[in-house]
């Protein structure tokens, strides 16, 4: 999904810096996107490490003359099961990456956005943040936290022309969500909950992210857009 978001932002005119924990993933993605004529570069970054986050931001600023957009997409889910069956170490890992890293990136990107006179921060949450999945208990709670972070962060930044929004995808056909769709029985169970009768494709999430980062969304802040094929989320 991160690759699809990077591609769409670049297609829509952004100069994009992508990151991953692994050098080969970064290089492969950069090569693929550059071969499509897109303005994309990349850097290794473990978002749980402060030094890596700083290198990422400095790389983007120095290469392209500033930062206008932050998309926080990194997430982990090292465990499955009911929320109260989650091991403490897994809980800590989920919240370190899914919530704390998003929070820290937001704090650390602010000086760069302020230099530009505004900008956009977009978090990637999940439909599970509204309706927790039994098998993804702790992960679901971490995604609920991003809904609150969106609301809280947007309030104080609105007057600075910095918009903070969120996207809550449904079940997207990616390797990350393999447990929800790889086996035929799991896939059928997932699709049975989706009124549109199919899983989302990464590019369908990417378009919404690009919209929220664009001038077309200039009067939208503090909001979460659900992209779930009609799955239950809220009124």
Protein backbone atom coordinates (compact mmCIF):
# COMPACT_ATOMS: atom_id res chain seq x y z
CA UNK A 1 0.00 0.00 0.00
CA UNK A 2 2.88 2.35 0.71
CA UNK A 3 4.23 1.73 -2.78
CA UNK A 4 0.84 2.53 -4.31
CA UNK A 5 0.62 5.75 -2.27
CA UNK A 6 4.11 6.82 -3.36
CA UNK A 7 3.26 6.09 -6.99
CA UNK A 8 0.01 8.06 -6.90
CA UNK A 9 1.53 11.08 -5.15
CA UNK A 10 4.33 11.15 -7.71
CA UNK A 11 1.86 10.75 -10.58
CA UNK A 12 -0.04 13.73 -9.19
CA UNK A 13 3.07 15.90 -9.21
CA UNK A 14 4.79 15.36 -5.87
CA UNK A 15 8.51 14.72 -5.46
CA UNK A 16 8.50 11.69 -3.18
CA UNK A 17 10.94 10.17 -0.70
CA UNK A 18 10.02 6.62 0.29
CA UNK A 19 11.45 4.60 3.16
CA UNK A 20 11.62 1.06 4.45
CA UNK A 21 13.66 -0.81 7.02
CA UNK A 22 15.39 -2.84 4.30
CA UNK A 23 17.73 -1.41 1.68
CA UNK A 24 16.68 -3.90 -1.02
CA UNK A 25 13.01 -2.94 -0.59
CA UNK A 26 13.86 0.74 -0.92
CA UNK A 27 16.01 0.26 -4.00
CA UNK A 28 13.52 -2.01 -5.74
CA UNK A 29 10.67 0.44 -5.19
CA UNK A 30 12.75 3.43 -6.29
CA UNK A 31 13.88 1.63 -9.44
CA UNK A 32 10.32 0.61 -10.30
CA UNK A 33 8.92 4.10 -9.83
CA UNK A 34 11.78 5.90 -11.54
CA UNK A 35 11.37 3.56 -14.53
CA UNK A 36 7.85 4.99 -14.83
CA UNK A 37 9.31 8.49 -15.15
CA UNK A 38 8.35 9.52 -11.61
CA UNK A 39 10.35 11.79 -9.30
CA UNK A 40 11.10 9.41 -6.45
CA UNK A 41 14.06 8.70 -4.20
CA UNK A 42 14.41 6.58 -1.10
CA UNK A 43 16.25 6.04 2.14
CA UNK A 44 16.44 3.27 4.72
CA UNK A 45 14.45 4.25 7.80
CA UNK A 46 13.26 2.32 10.84
CA UNK A 47 10.58 4.67 12.11
CA UNK A 48 11.10 3.45 15.65
CA UNK A 49 14.60 4.97 15.64
CA UNK A 50 14.93 8.71 16.18
CA UNK A 51 18.17 8.96 14.18
CA UNK A 52 16.58 7.24 11.19
CA UNK A 53 13.54 9.51 11.29
CA UNK A 54 15.75 12.59 11.33
CA UNK A 55 17.79 11.31 8.39
CA UNK A 56 14.56 10.71 6.46
CA UNK A 57 13.30 14.24 7.01
CA UNK A 58 16.66 15.86 6.30
CA UNK A 59 16.99 13.78 3.13
CA UNK A 60 13.61 14.93 1.83
CA UNK A 61 14.23 18.56 2.72
CA UNK A 62 17.72 18.78 1.25
CA UNK A 63 16.88 16.86 -1.93
CA UNK A 64 13.67 18.68 -2.80
CA UNK A 65 14.02 22.02 -1.01
CA UNK A 66 11.48 21.43 1.74
CA UNK A 67 8.68 19.19 2.95
CA UNK A 68 4.98 19.77 2.31
CA UNK A 69 3.51 16.31 2.98
CA UNK A 70 3.97 13.54 5.53
CA UNK A 71 2.19 10.22 5.03
CA UNK A 72 2.60 7.93 8.05
CA UNK A 73 1.96 4.41 6.79
CA UNK A 74 4.33 2.15 8.75
CA UNK A 75 2.67 -0.54 10.86
CA UNK A 76 3.39 -3.89 12.48
CA UNK A 77 1.24 -6.68 13.82
CA UNK A 78 3.39 -9.39 15.43
CA UNK A 79 0.49 -11.23 17.06
CA UNK A 80 -3.06 -12.40 16.48
CA UNK A 81 -5.82 -12.99 19.00
CA UNK A 82 -8.10 -11.27 21.49
CA UNK A 83 -6.82 -7.95 22.77
CA UNK A 84 -6.44 -9.17 26.36
CA UNK A 85 -4.44 -12.19 25.21
CA UNK A 86 -1.72 -10.02 23.69
CA UNK A 87 1.74 -10.40 25.23
CA UNK A 88 3.18 -7.24 26.75
CA UNK A 89 6.17 -7.30 24.39
CA UNK A 90 3.88 -7.50 21.36
CA UNK A 91 1.66 -4.73 22.73
CA UNK A 92 4.69 -2.50 23.21
CA UNK A 93 5.97 -3.21 19.69
CA UNK A 94 2.58 -2.49 18.10
CA UNK A 95 2.20 0.83 19.90
CA UNK A 96 5.84 1.82 19.37
CA UNK A 97 5.52 1.60 15.59
CA UNK A 98 1.81 2.11 14.87
CA UNK A 99 1.24 5.02 17.25
CA UNK A 100 4.38 6.45 18.82
CA UNK A 101 6.36 6.55 15.56
CA UNK A 102 3.46 8.34 13.82
CA UNK A 103 3.35 10.82 16.70
CA UNK A 104 7.11 11.41 16.68
CA UNK A 105 7.28 11.83 12.90
CA UNK A 106 4.53 14.42 13.18
CA UNK A 107 6.40 16.36 15.87
CA UNK A 108 9.66 16.18 13.98
CA UNK A 109 8.23 17.22 10.60
CA UNK A 110 6.55 20.34 12.00
CA UNK A 111 9.56 22.66 11.65
CA UNK A 112 9.85 21.68 7.98
CA UNK A 113 6.13 22.26 7.33
CA UNK A 114 6.25 25.59 9.12
CA UNK A 115 9.13 26.71 6.90
CA UNK A 116 6.82 26.10 3.94
CA UNK A 117 3.92 28.00 5.48
CA UNK A 118 1.73 24.93 5.86
CA UNK A 119 1.32 21.37 4.73
CA UNK A 120 -0.48 18.09 5.16
CA UNK A 121 -0.09 15.12 7.50
CA UNK A 122 -2.00 11.93 6.73
CA UNK A 123 -2.14 8.85 8.93
CA UNK A 124 -3.12 5.40 7.70
CA UNK A 125 -5.46 3.84 10.23
CA UNK A 126 -7.87 0.94 9.54
CA UNK A 127 -11.53 0.00 9.55
CA UNK A 128 -10.48 -2.04 12.60
CA UNK A 129 -9.97 1.25 14.41
CA UNK A 130 -13.77 1.66 14.34
CA UNK A 131 -14.86 -1.99 14.48
CA UNK A 132 -12.11 -4.12 16.08
CA UNK A 133 -11.27 -7.45 14.49
CA UNK A 134 -11.26 -10.27 17.07
CA UNK A 135 -8.06 -11.75 15.64
CA UNK A 136 -6.34 -8.36 15.53
CA UNK A 137 -7.19 -7.07 18.98
CA UNK A 138 -4.12 -5.04 19.90
CA UNK A 139 -3.59 -3.86 16.34
CA UNK A 140 -7.18 -2.62 16.24
CA UNK A 141 -6.67 -0.57 19.41
CA UNK A 142 -3.52 1.00 17.95
CA UNK A 143 -5.48 2.05 14.89
CA UNK A 144 -8.19 3.57 17.10
CA UNK A 145 -5.45 5.66 18.72
CA UNK A 146 -4.63 7.18 15.32
CA UNK A 147 -8.22 8.40 15.01
CA UNK A 148 -7.75 10.31 18.25
CA UNK A 149 -4.33 11.59 17.23
CA UNK A 150 -5.85 12.95 14.03
CA UNK A 151 -8.50 14.89 15.93
CA UNK A 152 -6.15 16.19 18.62
CA UNK A 153 -3.27 17.19 16.34
CA UNK A 154 -5.48 18.90 13.77
CA UNK A 155 -6.96 21.35 16.27
CA UNK A 156 -3.78 23.12 17.22
CA UNK A 157 -2.29 23.16 13.73
CA UNK A 158 -5.26 24.41 11.71
CA UNK A 159 -4.37 28.07 12.24
CA UNK A 160 -0.91 27.36 10.82
CA UNK A 161 -2.36 25.99 7.59
CA UNK A 162 -1.20 22.48 8.51
CA UNK A 163 -3.94 19.94 7.89
CA UNK A 164 -4.06 16.56 9.66
CA UNK A 165 -6.25 13.82 8.29
CA UNK A 166 -6.56 10.06 8.30
CA UNK A 167 -7.56 7.20 6.00
CA UNK A 168 -9.16 4.05 7.40
CA UNK A 169 -8.91 1.29 4.77
CA UNK A 170 -10.99 -1.85 4.87
CA UNK A 171 -9.36 -5.16 3.98
CA UNK A 172 -6.75 -4.47 1.32
CA UNK A 173 -5.25 -7.27 -0.76
CA UNK A 174 -1.66 -6.97 0.43
CA UNK A 175 0.91 -9.26 2.03
CA UNK A 176 0.44 -7.40 5.31
CA UNK A 177 -3.21 -8.49 5.43
CA UNK A 178 -2.50 -12.02 4.21
CA UNK A 179 -3.99 -13.59 7.34
CA UNK A 180 -7.36 -12.11 6.38
CA UNK A 181 -7.46 -13.27 2.77
CA UNK A 182 -4.74 -15.80 1.86
CA UNK A 183 -6.67 -18.92 2.85
CA UNK A 184 -9.87 -19.49 0.94
CA UNK A 185 -12.00 -19.81 4.09
CA UNK A 186 -10.58 -16.58 5.53
CA UNK A 187 -11.11 -14.81 2.22
CA UNK A 188 -14.73 -15.92 1.99
CA UNK A 189 -15.35 -14.83 5.59
CA UNK A 190 -13.82 -11.42 4.90
CA UNK A 191 -15.74 -10.85 1.68
CA UNK A 192 -18.99 -11.86 3.37
CA UNK A 193 -18.65 -8.71 5.52
CA UNK A 194 -18.06 -6.39 2.56
CA UNK A 195 -21.19 -5.15 0.78
CA UNK A 196 -19.23 -4.52 -2.42
CA UNK A 197 -18.23 -8.19 -2.40
CA UNK A 198 -14.49 -7.81 -2.95
CA UNK A 199 -11.27 -6.75 -1.27
CA UNK A 200 -9.72 -3.33 -1.82
CA UNK A 201 -6.73 -2.89 -4.09
CA UNK A 202 -3.83 -0.68 -2.93
CA UNK A 203 -4.38 1.95 -5.62
CA UNK A 204 -7.91 2.56 -4.29
CA UNK A 205 -6.43 3.70 -0.98
CA UNK A 206 -3.67 5.69 -2.67
CA UNK A 207 -6.10 7.93 -4.53
CA UNK A 208 -7.78 9.00 -1.29
CA UNK A 209 -4.43 9.76 0.34
CA UNK A 210 -3.40 11.89 -2.63
CA UNK A 211 -6.70 13.76 -2.48
CA UNK A 212 -6.23 14.58 1.21
CA UNK A 213 -2.74 15.89 0.47
CA UNK A 214 -3.94 18.05 -2.42
CA UNK A 215 -5.40 21.54 -2.67
CA UNK A 216 -8.76 19.91 -3.44
CA UNK A 217 -8.87 19.05 0.28
CA UNK A 218 -7.76 22.51 1.43
CA UNK A 219 -10.74 22.88 3.79
CA UNK A 220 -10.57 19.38 5.28
CA UNK A 221 -8.74 18.74 8.55
CA UNK A 222 -9.28 16.47 11.54
CA UNK A 223 -11.22 13.96 9.44
CA UNK A 224 -10.95 10.24 8.78
CA UNK A 225 -12.12 8.88 5.44
CA UNK A 226 -13.24 5.25 5.55
CA UNK A 227 -12.43 3.27 2.39
CA UNK A 228 -13.97 -0.10 3.12
CA UNK A 229 -16.35 -1.17 0.36
CA UNK A 230 -19.28 -0.50 2.67
CA UNK A 231 -18.08 -2.37 5.78
CA UNK A 232 -19.67 -1.12 8.99
CA UNK A 233 -17.76 1.67 10.66
CA UNK A 234 -19.98 4.50 11.93
CA UNK A 235 -23.11 6.49 11.19
